[in-house]
Amino acid sequence: MIGREMLARLIAQAAGEGADLVTLRAMVEEASEAGAARALERLGLSDTGAQDDIDELRELLGAWRAAKQSAWKAAVQWLVRAVLALLLLGIAVRLGAMELLR
């Protein structure tokens, strides 16, 4: 509420005396801070544990990205192994290695 009171005073000062550059900048700053506080409150991030929640979410997001990258890497490795195995099997068939098994 202090920010809103300050903004109201600045608006009253601007209306009474005219708005100079310093007053306009102060009004913009106070309005910005009030808007940011309102946005954080609407998101549920205005309490004291909000920073811990954000840190935990960042950790979780980092772990998700690492797991996703690891899964893609493993999938590509398995795909390359399968292609190489099929290539070796094709070479073996071409060279007649199947006759040796009979």
N, C-alpha and C. Protein backbone atom coordinates (compact mmCIF):
# COMPACT_ATOMS: atom_id res chain seq x y z
N MET A 1 0.81 -1.20 0.00
CA MET A 1 0.00 0.00 0.00
C MET A 1 0.85 1.27 0.00
N ILE A 2 2.09 1.15 0.49
CA ILE A 2 2.94 2.33 0.54
C ILE A 2 3.22 2.83 -0.87
N GLY A 3 3.48 1.91 -1.79
CA GLY A 3 3.74 2.28 -3.18
C GLY A 3 2.54 2.97 -3.80
N ARG A 4 1.35 2.47 -3.50
CA ARG A 4 0.13 3.09 -4.05
C ARG A 4 -0.08 4.49 -3.49
N GLU A 5 0.23 4.65 -2.21
CA GLU A 5 0.11 5.97 -1.58
C GLU A 5 1.11 6.95 -2.21
N MET A 6 2.32 6.46 -2.44
CA MET A 6 3.35 7.31 -3.07
C MET A 6 2.92 7.69 -4.47
N LEU A 7 2.37 6.76 -5.19
CA LEU A 7 1.90 7.05 -6.55
C LEU A 7 0.77 8.07 -6.52
N ALA A 8 -0.14 7.92 -5.57
CA ALA A 8 -1.25 8.88 -5.44
C ALA A 8 -0.71 10.28 -5.12
N ARG A 9 0.30 10.37 -4.26
CA ARG A 9 0.90 11.67 -3.93
C ARG A 9 1.57 12.29 -5.15
N LEU A 10 2.28 11.47 -5.91
CA LEU A 10 2.96 11.98 -7.10
C LEU A 10 1.96 12.47 -8.14
N ILE A 11 0.86 11.76 -8.28
CA ILE A 11 -0.18 12.18 -9.23
C ILE A 11 -0.79 13.50 -8.77
N ALA A 12 -1.04 13.61 -7.46
CA ALA A 12 -1.60 14.86 -6.93
C ALA A 12 -0.61 16.00 -7.13
N GLN A 13 0.68 15.73 -6.91
CA GLN A 13 1.70 16.77 -7.11
C GLN A 13 1.75 17.18 -8.57
N ALA A 14 1.69 16.21 -9.47
CA ALA A 14 1.74 16.53 -10.89
C ALA A 14 0.52 17.34 -11.30
N ALA A 15 -0.63 17.00 -10.74
CA ALA A 15 -1.85 17.73 -11.07
C ALA A 15 -1.80 19.16 -10.51
N GLY A 16 -1.25 19.31 -9.32
CA GLY A 16 -1.23 20.63 -8.68
C GLY A 16 -0.15 21.55 -9.22
N GLU A 17 1.06 21.03 -9.37
CA GLU A 17 2.20 21.87 -9.75
C GLU A 17 2.56 21.75 -11.22
N GLY A 18 2.00 20.81 -11.88
CA GLY A 18 2.47 20.50 -13.23
C GLY A 18 3.54 19.44 -13.12
N ALA A 19 3.68 18.68 -14.14
CA ALA A 19 4.59 17.54 -14.06
C ALA A 19 5.92 17.86 -14.71
N ASP A 20 6.96 17.92 -13.88
CA ASP A 20 8.30 18.05 -14.45
C ASP A 20 8.87 16.65 -14.70
N LEU A 21 10.05 16.59 -15.28
CA LEU A 21 10.64 15.31 -15.68
C LEU A 21 10.89 14.40 -14.48
N VAL A 22 11.35 14.95 -13.38
CA VAL A 22 11.63 14.15 -12.18
C VAL A 22 10.35 13.54 -11.63
N THR A 23 9.28 14.34 -11.61
CA THR A 23 8.00 13.83 -11.11
C THR A 23 7.47 12.74 -12.02
N LEU A 24 7.57 12.94 -13.33
CA LEU A 24 7.10 11.93 -14.26
C LEU A 24 7.88 10.62 -14.12
N ARG A 25 9.19 10.74 -13.98
CA ARG A 25 10.01 9.53 -13.79
C ARG A 25 9.64 8.82 -12.50
N ALA A 26 9.44 9.56 -11.45
CA ALA A 26 9.06 8.96 -10.17
C ALA A 26 7.70 8.28 -10.28
N MET A 27 6.77 8.90 -11.01
CA MET A 27 5.45 8.29 -11.21
C MET A 27 5.57 6.98 -11.98
N VAL A 28 6.38 6.98 -13.03
CA VAL A 28 6.56 5.77 -13.82
C VAL A 28 7.20 4.68 -12.97
N GLU A 29 8.19 5.03 -12.17
CA GLU A 29 8.86 4.05 -11.33
C GLU A 29 7.91 3.45 -10.30
N GLU A 30 7.15 4.30 -9.64
CA GLU A 30 6.21 3.81 -8.63
C GLU A 30 5.11 2.96 -9.26
N ALA A 31 4.62 3.38 -10.43
CA ALA A 31 3.58 2.60 -11.12
C ALA A 31 4.13 1.24 -11.56
N SER A 32 5.38 1.23 -12.01
CA SER A 32 6.00 -0.03 -12.43
C SER A 32 6.15 -0.98 -11.26
N GLU A 33 6.62 -0.47 -10.15
CA GLU A 33 6.78 -1.31 -8.96
C GLU A 33 5.44 -1.83 -8.47
N ALA A 34 4.41 -0.99 -8.51
CA ALA A 34 3.08 -1.43 -8.09
C ALA A 34 2.55 -2.50 -9.02
N GLY A 35 2.77 -2.33 -10.32
CA GLY A 35 2.32 -3.32 -11.29
C GLY A 35 3.05 -4.64 -11.14
N ALA A 36 4.35 -4.57 -10.91
CA ALA A 36 5.14 -5.80 -10.71
C ALA A 36 4.69 -6.53 -9.45
N ALA A 37 4.45 -5.79 -8.38
CA ALA A 37 3.99 -6.41 -7.14
C ALA A 37 2.63 -7.06 -7.33
N ARG A 38 1.75 -6.40 -8.08
CA ARG A 38 0.42 -6.96 -8.36
C ARG A 38 0.53 -8.23 -9.20
N ALA A 39 1.41 -8.22 -10.19
CA ALA A 39 1.58 -9.40 -11.05
C ALA A 39 2.13 -10.57 -10.24
N LEU A 40 3.12 -10.31 -9.37
CA LEU A 40 3.66 -11.38 -8.53
C LEU A 40 2.61 -11.93 -7.58
N GLU A 41 1.77 -11.03 -7.07
CA GLU A 41 0.70 -11.46 -6.16
C GLU A 41 -0.31 -12.35 -6.89
N ARG A 42 -0.66 -11.98 -8.12
CA ARG A 42 -1.61 -12.79 -8.90
C ARG A 42 -1.04 -14.15 -9.25
N LEU A 43 0.28 -14.22 -9.42
CA LEU A 43 0.93 -15.50 -9.73
C LEU A 43 1.17 -16.34 -8.49
N GLY A 44 0.92 -15.77 -7.34
CA GLY A 44 1.15 -16.49 -6.09
C GLY A 44 2.61 -16.49 -5.68
N LEU A 45 3.36 -15.51 -6.13
CA LEU A 45 4.79 -15.44 -5.84
C LEU A 45 5.15 -14.26 -4.96
N SER A 46 4.21 -13.79 -4.18
CA SER A 46 4.49 -12.63 -3.34
C SER A 46 4.84 -13.02 -1.90
N ASP A 47 4.78 -14.30 -1.56
CA ASP A 47 5.08 -14.71 -0.20
C ASP A 47 6.58 -14.90 -0.01
N THR A 48 6.99 -15.19 1.21
CA THR A 48 8.42 -15.30 1.53
C THR A 48 9.05 -16.56 0.95
N GLY A 49 8.28 -17.60 0.71
CA GLY A 49 8.82 -18.84 0.16
C GLY A 49 8.86 -18.87 -1.36
N ALA A 50 8.52 -17.77 -1.99
CA ALA A 50 8.45 -17.73 -3.46
C ALA A 50 9.81 -17.98 -4.10
N GLN A 51 10.86 -17.42 -3.53
CA GLN A 51 12.20 -17.61 -4.11
C GLN A 51 12.61 -19.07 -4.06
N ASP A 52 12.28 -19.75 -2.96
CA ASP A 52 12.58 -21.18 -2.86
C ASP A 52 11.80 -21.97 -3.90
N ASP A 53 10.54 -21.59 -4.12
CA ASP A 53 9.72 -22.26 -5.13
C ASP A 53 10.30 -22.08 -6.53
N ILE A 54 10.74 -20.87 -6.83
CA ILE A 54 11.33 -20.60 -8.14
C ILE A 54 12.63 -21.38 -8.31
N ASP A 55 13.46 -21.42 -7.26
CA ASP A 55 14.71 -22.18 -7.33
C ASP A 55 14.44 -23.66 -7.56
N GLU A 56 13.43 -24.18 -6.87
CA GLU A 56 13.07 -25.60 -7.02
C GLU A 56 12.55 -25.88 -8.43
N LEU A 57 11.74 -24.98 -8.96
CA LEU A 57 11.25 -25.16 -10.32
C LEU A 57 12.38 -25.11 -11.34
N ARG A 58 13.34 -24.23 -11.14
CA ARG A 58 14.49 -24.17 -12.04
C ARG A 58 15.31 -25.46 -11.98
N GLU A 59 15.48 -25.99 -10.78
CA GLU A 59 16.19 -27.26 -10.62
C GLU A 59 15.45 -28.38 -11.35
N LEU A 60 14.14 -28.42 -11.17
CA LEU A 60 13.33 -29.44 -11.82
C LEU A 60 13.38 -29.31 -13.33
N LEU A 61 13.34 -28.09 -13.83
CA LEU A 61 13.44 -27.87 -15.26
C LEU A 61 14.80 -28.28 -15.80
N GLY A 62 15.85 -28.00 -15.07
CA GLY A 62 17.19 -28.42 -15.46
C GLY A 62 17.31 -29.94 -15.50
N ALA A 63 16.74 -30.60 -14.51
CA ALA A 63 16.76 -32.07 -14.49
C ALA A 63 15.97 -32.64 -15.66
N TRP A 64 14.84 -32.02 -15.97
CA TRP A 64 14.02 -32.47 -17.11
C TRP A 64 14.80 -32.33 -18.41
N ARG A 65 15.46 -31.21 -18.59
CA ARG A 65 16.25 -30.99 -19.82
C ARG A 65 17.39 -32.00 -19.93
N ALA A 66 18.05 -32.29 -18.81
CA ALA A 66 19.14 -33.27 -18.82
C ALA A 66 18.62 -34.66 -19.14
N ALA A 67 17.48 -35.02 -18.57
CA ALA A 67 16.89 -36.34 -18.84
C ALA A 67 16.45 -36.45 -20.30
N LYS A 68 15.88 -35.38 -20.82
CA LYS A 68 15.45 -35.39 -22.22
C LYS A 68 16.64 -35.53 -23.15
N GLN A 69 17.70 -34.81 -22.87
CA GLN A 69 18.90 -34.89 -23.68
C GLN A 69 19.52 -36.29 -23.61
N SER A 70 19.53 -36.87 -22.43
CA SER A 70 20.07 -38.22 -22.25
C SER A 70 19.23 -39.25 -22.99
N ALA A 71 17.91 -39.09 -22.96
CA ALA A 71 17.03 -40.03 -23.66
C ALA A 71 17.24 -39.95 -25.17
N TRP A 72 17.37 -38.74 -25.70
CA TRP A 72 17.62 -38.58 -27.14
C TRP A 72 18.95 -39.21 -27.53
N LYS A 73 19.94 -38.98 -26.69
CA LYS A 73 21.28 -39.52 -26.97
C LYS A 73 21.23 -41.05 -26.98
N ALA A 74 20.55 -41.63 -26.01
CA ALA A 74 20.43 -43.09 -25.95
C ALA A 74 19.66 -43.62 -27.16
N ALA A 75 18.60 -42.93 -27.57
CA ALA A 75 17.81 -43.37 -28.73
C ALA A 75 18.65 -43.34 -30.00
N VAL A 76 19.44 -42.31 -30.17
CA VAL A 76 20.30 -42.20 -31.35
C VAL A 76 21.36 -43.31 -31.33
N GLN A 77 21.93 -43.57 -30.16
CA GLN A 77 22.92 -44.63 -30.06
C GLN A 77 22.33 -45.99 -30.43
N TRP A 78 21.12 -46.27 -29.94
CA TRP A 78 20.48 -47.54 -30.27
C TRP A 78 20.15 -47.62 -31.76
N LEU A 79 19.74 -46.53 -32.34
CA LEU A 79 19.44 -46.51 -33.76
C LEU A 79 20.70 -46.77 -34.59
N VAL A 80 21.80 -46.14 -34.21
CA VAL A 80 23.07 -46.36 -34.92
C VAL A 80 23.51 -47.80 -34.78
N ARG A 81 23.38 -48.37 -33.60
CA ARG A 81 23.74 -49.77 -33.39
C ARG A 81 22.89 -50.70 -34.24
N ALA A 82 21.61 -50.42 -34.32
CA ALA A 82 20.71 -51.26 -35.13
C ALA A 82 21.07 -51.18 -36.60
N VAL A 83 21.36 -49.98 -37.08
CA VAL A 83 21.74 -49.81 -38.49
C VAL A 83 23.05 -50.54 -38.77
N LEU A 84 24.03 -50.43 -37.89
CA LEU A 84 25.30 -51.12 -38.07
C LEU A 84 25.12 -52.64 -38.03
N ALA A 85 24.26 -53.12 -37.13
CA ALA A 85 24.00 -54.56 -37.05
C ALA A 85 23.36 -55.05 -38.35
N LEU A 86 22.41 -54.29 -38.88
CA LEU A 86 21.78 -54.67 -40.15
C LEU A 86 22.78 -54.62 -41.29
N LEU A 87 23.67 -53.66 -41.27
CA LEU A 87 24.71 -53.56 -42.29
C LEU A 87 25.65 -54.77 -42.23
N LEU A 88 26.06 -55.13 -41.03
CA LEU A 88 26.91 -56.32 -40.88
C LEU A 88 26.19 -57.59 -41.32
N LEU A 89 24.93 -57.70 -40.99
CA LEU A 89 24.14 -58.86 -41.42
C LEU A 89 24.05 -58.90 -42.93
N GLY A 90 23.84 -57.76 -43.56
CA GLY A 90 23.78 -57.70 -45.02
C GLY A 90 25.11 -58.09 -45.66
N ILE A 91 26.21 -57.64 -45.07
CA ILE A 91 27.53 -58.01 -45.58
C ILE A 91 27.76 -59.52 -45.43
N ALA A 92 27.35 -60.04 -44.30
CA ALA A 92 27.52 -61.49 -44.07
C ALA A 92 26.71 -62.30 -45.07
N VAL A 93 25.49 -61.87 -45.37
CA VAL A 93 24.66 -62.57 -46.35
C VAL A 93 25.29 -62.47 -47.73
N ARG A 94 25.82 -61.32 -48.07
CA ARG A 94 26.44 -61.10 -49.38
C ARG A 94 27.68 -61.99 -49.57
N LEU A 95 28.43 -62.15 -48.50
CA LEU A 95 29.65 -62.93 -48.58
C LEU A 95 29.41 -64.45 -48.45
N GLY A 96 28.17 -64.82 -48.20
CA GLY A 96 27.83 -66.23 -48.12
C GLY A 96 28.11 -66.84 -46.76
N ALA A 97 28.16 -66.07 -45.74
CA ALA A 97 28.41 -66.58 -44.40
C ALA A 97 27.26 -67.42 -43.89
N MET A 98 26.09 -67.29 -44.50
CA MET A 98 24.93 -68.08 -44.06
C MET A 98 25.13 -69.55 -44.42
N GLU A 99 25.88 -69.82 -45.46
CA GLU A 99 26.13 -71.22 -45.87
C GLU A 99 27.02 -71.92 -44.85
N LEU A 100 27.86 -71.18 -44.16
CA LEU A 100 28.74 -71.76 -43.16
C LEU A 100 27.95 -72.24 -41.95
N LEU A 101 26.79 -71.64 -41.69
CA LEU A 101 25.97 -72.02 -40.55
C LEU A 101 25.17 -73.29 -40.82
N ARG A 102 25.02 -73.69 -42.09
CA ARG A 102 24.20 -74.87 -42.40
C ARG A 102 24.95 -76.10 -42.27
